[in-house]
Amino acid sequence: MTLSVTSLGVREPTFLILTALAAEPTHGYGVIRAVEQLSEGDVVLRPGTLYGALDRLTEQGLVELDREEAVDGRLRRYYRLTSDGAAALAEQVARLRRHADAAERGLGGLGNLGLAQ
């Protein structure tokens, strides 16, 4: 049985890569910068990690190559989210929101202990 990101939760770097590509097609270095900004510096991707993830996400049909450009003699590849990728990201956002809501409810029960804010 093949598992996809829609049948399991995704790891934080994958979630952030999909999020970085949600607004517009972006090249690899742009994805690395966006992930660092989105995570407020908590997640810093190395190029090898990013391109391995992009290859995997492309194989899963969640991301695709948008275009290639030559910049300063080097090939720059731009990636974009597919419609399946957008649906998977939306599903993960809903899943994480449910989990965060459950955590907040749990923390609310700690109010009588002086732990909740």
C-alpha atoms as a PDB file:
ATOM      1  CA  MET A   1       0.000   0.000   0.000  1.00  0.00           C
ATOM      2  CA  THR A   2       1.349   3.429  -0.960  1.00  0.00           C
ATOM      3  CA  LEU A   3       0.959   6.177   1.607  1.00  0.00           C
ATOM      4  CA  SER A   4       0.749   9.813   0.585  1.00  0.00           C
ATOM      5  CA  VAL A   5       0.847  13.032   2.534  1.00  0.00           C
ATOM      6  CA  THR A   6      -2.920  13.030   2.489  1.00  0.00           C
ATOM      7  CA  SER A   7      -3.161   9.682   4.290  1.00  0.00           C
ATOM      8  CA  LEU A   8      -0.554  10.584   6.921  1.00  0.00           C
ATOM      9  CA  GLY A   9       0.560  13.778   8.528  1.00  0.00           C
ATOM     10  CA  VAL A  10       3.506  15.459   6.868  1.00  0.00           C
ATOM     11  CA  ARG A  11       6.747  16.416   8.536  1.00  0.00           C
ATOM     12  CA  GLU A  12       7.261  20.073   9.275  1.00  0.00           C
ATOM     13  CA  PRO A  13       9.816  20.729   6.493  1.00  0.00           C
ATOM     14  CA  THR A  14       7.497  19.182   3.878  1.00  0.00           C
ATOM     15  CA  PHE A  15       4.564  21.228   5.168  1.00  0.00           C
ATOM     16  CA  LEU A  16       6.659  24.386   4.955  1.00  0.00           C
ATOM     17  CA  ILE A  17       7.909  23.562   1.433  1.00  0.00           C
ATOM     18  CA  LEU A  18       4.325  23.110   0.233  1.00  0.00           C
ATOM     19  CA  THR A  19       3.368  26.346   2.003  1.00  0.00           C
ATOM     20  CA  ALA A  20       6.264  28.203   0.374  1.00  0.00           C
ATOM     21  CA  LEU A  21       5.049  27.088  -3.063  1.00  0.00           C
ATOM     22  CA  ALA A  22       1.386  27.896  -2.411  1.00  0.00           C
ATOM     23  CA  ALA A  23       1.532  31.555  -3.440  1.00  0.00           C
ATOM     24  CA  GLU A  24       3.599  31.338  -6.616  1.00  0.00           C
ATOM     25  CA  PRO A  25       6.215  29.259  -8.434  1.00  0.00           C
ATOM     26  CA  THR A  26       9.558  29.591  -6.686  1.00  0.00           C
ATOM     27  CA  HIS A  27      13.123  28.468  -7.365  1.00  0.00           C
ATOM     28  CA  GLY A  28      15.041  26.299  -4.913  1.00  0.00           C
ATOM     29  CA  TYR A  29      16.921  29.059  -3.100  1.00  0.00           C
ATOM     30  CA  GLY A  30      13.662  31.018  -2.828  1.00  0.00           C
ATOM     31  CA  VAL A  31      12.017  27.994  -1.205  1.00  0.00           C
ATOM     32  CA  ILE A  32      14.892  27.708   1.284  1.00  0.00           C
ATOM     33  CA  ARG A  33      14.512  31.399   2.237  1.00  0.00           C
ATOM     34  CA  ALA A  34      10.707  31.173   2.426  1.00  0.00           C
ATOM     35  CA  VAL A  35      10.833  28.108   4.693  1.00  0.00           C
ATOM     36  CA  GLU A  36      13.243  29.885   7.023  1.00  0.00           C
ATOM     37  CA  GLN A  37      10.975  32.956   7.122  1.00  0.00           C
ATOM     38  CA  LEU A  38       7.753  30.950   7.549  1.00  0.00           C
ATOM     39  CA  SER A  39       9.281  29.017  10.441  1.00  0.00           C
ATOM     40  CA  GLU A  40      10.840  32.145  11.961  1.00  0.00           C
ATOM     41  CA  GLY A  41      14.239  30.479  11.670  1.00  0.00           C
ATOM     42  CA  ASP A  42      13.225  27.194  13.307  1.00  0.00           C
ATOM     43  CA  VAL A  43      13.640  25.233  10.054  1.00  0.00           C
ATOM     44  CA  VAL A  44      16.669  25.837   7.851  1.00  0.00           C
ATOM     45  CA  LEU A  45      16.839  23.536   4.839  1.00  0.00           C
ATOM     46  CA  ARG A  46      20.071  22.489   3.211  1.00  0.00           C
ATOM     47  CA  PRO A  47      20.004  22.317  -0.592  1.00  0.00           C
ATOM     48  CA  GLY A  48      20.378  18.513  -0.636  1.00  0.00           C
ATOM     49  CA  THR A  49      17.449  18.133   1.745  1.00  0.00           C
ATOM     50  CA  LEU A  50      15.295  20.531  -0.275  1.00  0.00           C
ATOM     51  CA  TYR A  51      15.983  18.932  -3.648  1.00  0.00           C
ATOM     52  CA  GLY A  52      15.438  15.443  -2.271  1.00  0.00           C
ATOM     53  CA  ALA A  53      12.077  16.609  -0.902  1.00  0.00           C
ATOM     54  CA  LEU A  54      11.173  18.323  -4.183  1.00  0.00           C
ATOM     55  CA  ASP A  55      11.992  15.122  -6.095  1.00  0.00           C
ATOM     56  CA  ARG A  56       9.790  13.104  -3.716  1.00  0.00           C
ATOM     57  CA  LEU A  57       6.944  15.629  -3.879  1.00  0.00           C
ATOM     58  CA  THR A  58       7.203  15.661  -7.682  1.00  0.00           C
ATOM     59  CA  GLU A  59       6.976  11.857  -7.782  1.00  0.00           C
ATOM     60  CA  GLN A  60       3.878  12.077  -5.561  1.00  0.00           C
ATOM     61  CA  GLY A  61       2.298  14.587  -7.962  1.00  0.00           C
ATOM     62  CA  LEU A  62       2.140  17.368  -5.354  1.00  0.00           C
ATOM     63  CA  VAL A  63       4.758  19.638  -6.950  1.00  0.00           C
ATOM     64  CA  GLU A  64       5.833  20.076 -10.556  1.00  0.00           C
ATOM     65  CA  LEU A  65       8.494  21.917 -12.489  1.00  0.00           C
ATOM     66  CA  ASP A  66       7.090  25.272 -13.611  1.00  0.00           C
ATOM     67  CA  ARG A  67       9.979  26.538 -15.728  1.00  0.00           C
ATOM     68  CA  GLU A  68      13.743  26.767 -16.032  1.00  0.00           C
ATOM     69  CA  GLU A  69      15.747  29.955 -16.506  1.00  0.00           C
ATOM     70  CA  ALA A  70      19.429  30.607 -17.031  1.00  0.00           C
ATOM     71  CA  VAL A  71      20.656  33.161 -14.474  1.00  0.00           C
ATOM     72  CA  ASP A  72      24.323  34.160 -14.502  1.00  0.00           C
ATOM     73  CA  GLY A  73      25.102  31.063 -16.547  1.00  0.00           C
ATOM     74  CA  ARG A  74      23.387  28.714 -14.084  1.00  0.00           C
ATOM     75  CA  LEU A  75      20.104  26.907 -14.574  1.00  0.00           C
ATOM     76  CA  ARG A  76      17.426  27.965 -12.092  1.00  0.00           C
ATOM     77  CA  ARG A  77      14.405  25.659 -11.749  1.00  0.00           C
ATOM     78  CA  TYR A  78      11.089  27.032 -10.557  1.00  0.00           C
ATOM     79  CA  TYR A  79       8.618  24.676  -8.894  1.00  0.00           C
ATOM     80  CA  ARG A  80       4.902  25.073  -8.309  1.00  0.00           C
ATOM     81  CA  LEU A  81       2.212  23.349  -6.329  1.00  0.00           C
ATOM     82  CA  THR A  82      -0.131  21.128  -8.344  1.00  0.00           C
ATOM     83  CA  SER A  83      -3.875  21.049  -7.662  1.00  0.00           C
ATOM     84  CA  ASP A  84      -3.270  17.786  -5.755  1.00  0.00           C
ATOM     85  CA  GLY A  85      -0.533  19.544  -3.797  1.00  0.00           C
ATOM     86  CA  ALA A  86      -2.867  22.420  -2.917  1.00  0.00           C
ATOM     87  CA  ALA A  87      -5.526  19.930  -1.774  1.00  0.00           C
ATOM     88  CA  ALA A  88      -2.965  18.031   0.322  1.00  0.00           C
ATOM     89  CA  LEU A  89      -1.751  21.276   1.902  1.00  0.00           C
ATOM     90  CA  ALA A  90      -5.315  22.349   2.700  1.00  0.00           C
ATOM     91  CA  GLU A  91      -5.964  18.948   4.297  1.00  0.00           C
ATOM     92  CA  GLN A  92      -2.833  19.258   6.430  1.00  0.00           C
ATOM     93  CA  VAL A  93      -3.790  22.792   7.513  1.00  0.00           C
ATOM     94  CA  ALA A  94      -7.185  21.486   8.655  1.00  0.00           C
ATOM     95  CA  ARG A  95      -5.559  18.533  10.439  1.00  0.00           C
ATOM     96  CA  LEU A  96      -3.054  20.739  12.260  1.00  0.00           C
ATOM     97  CA  ARG A  97      -5.785  23.213  13.172  1.00  0.00           C
ATOM     98  CA  ARG A  98      -7.822  20.381  14.763  1.00  0.00           C
ATOM     99  CA  HIS A  99      -4.767  19.277  16.742  1.00  0.00           C
ATOM    100  CA  ALA A 100      -3.987  22.827  17.876  1.00  0.00           C
ATOM    101  CA  ASP A 101      -7.626  23.324  18.939  1.00  0.00           C
ATOM    102  CA  ALA A 102      -7.502  20.094  20.952  1.00  0.00           C
ATOM    103  CA  ALA A 103      -4.268  21.219  22.627  1.00  0.00           C
ATOM    104  CA  GLU A 104      -5.800  24.596  23.521  1.00  0.00           C
ATOM    105  CA  ARG A 105      -8.836  22.888  25.009  1.00  0.00           C
ATOM    106  CA  GLY A 106      -6.543  20.668  27.049  1.00  0.00           C
ATOM    107  CA  LEU A 107      -4.521  23.615  28.255  1.00  0.00           C
ATOM    108  CA  GLY A 108      -7.741  25.416  29.159  1.00  0.00           C
ATOM    109  CA  GLY A 109      -8.380  22.666  31.679  1.00  0.00           C
ATOM    110  CA  LEU A 110      -5.130  23.592  33.387  1.00  0.00           C
ATOM    111  CA  GLY A 111      -6.419  27.064  34.244  1.00  0.00           C
ATOM    112  CA  ASN A 112      -7.321  26.036  37.772  1.00  0.00           C
ATOM    113  CA  LEU A 113      -3.679  25.012  38.280  1.00  0.00           C
ATOM    114  CA  GLY A 114      -2.409  28.414  37.232  1.00  0.00           C
ATOM    115  CA  LEU A 115      -0.725  27.012  34.097  1.00  0.00           C
ATOM    116  CA  ALA A 116      -3.049  28.345  31.400  1.00  0.00           C
ATOM    117  CA  GLN A 117      -2.917  31.949  30.269  1.00  0.00           C
END
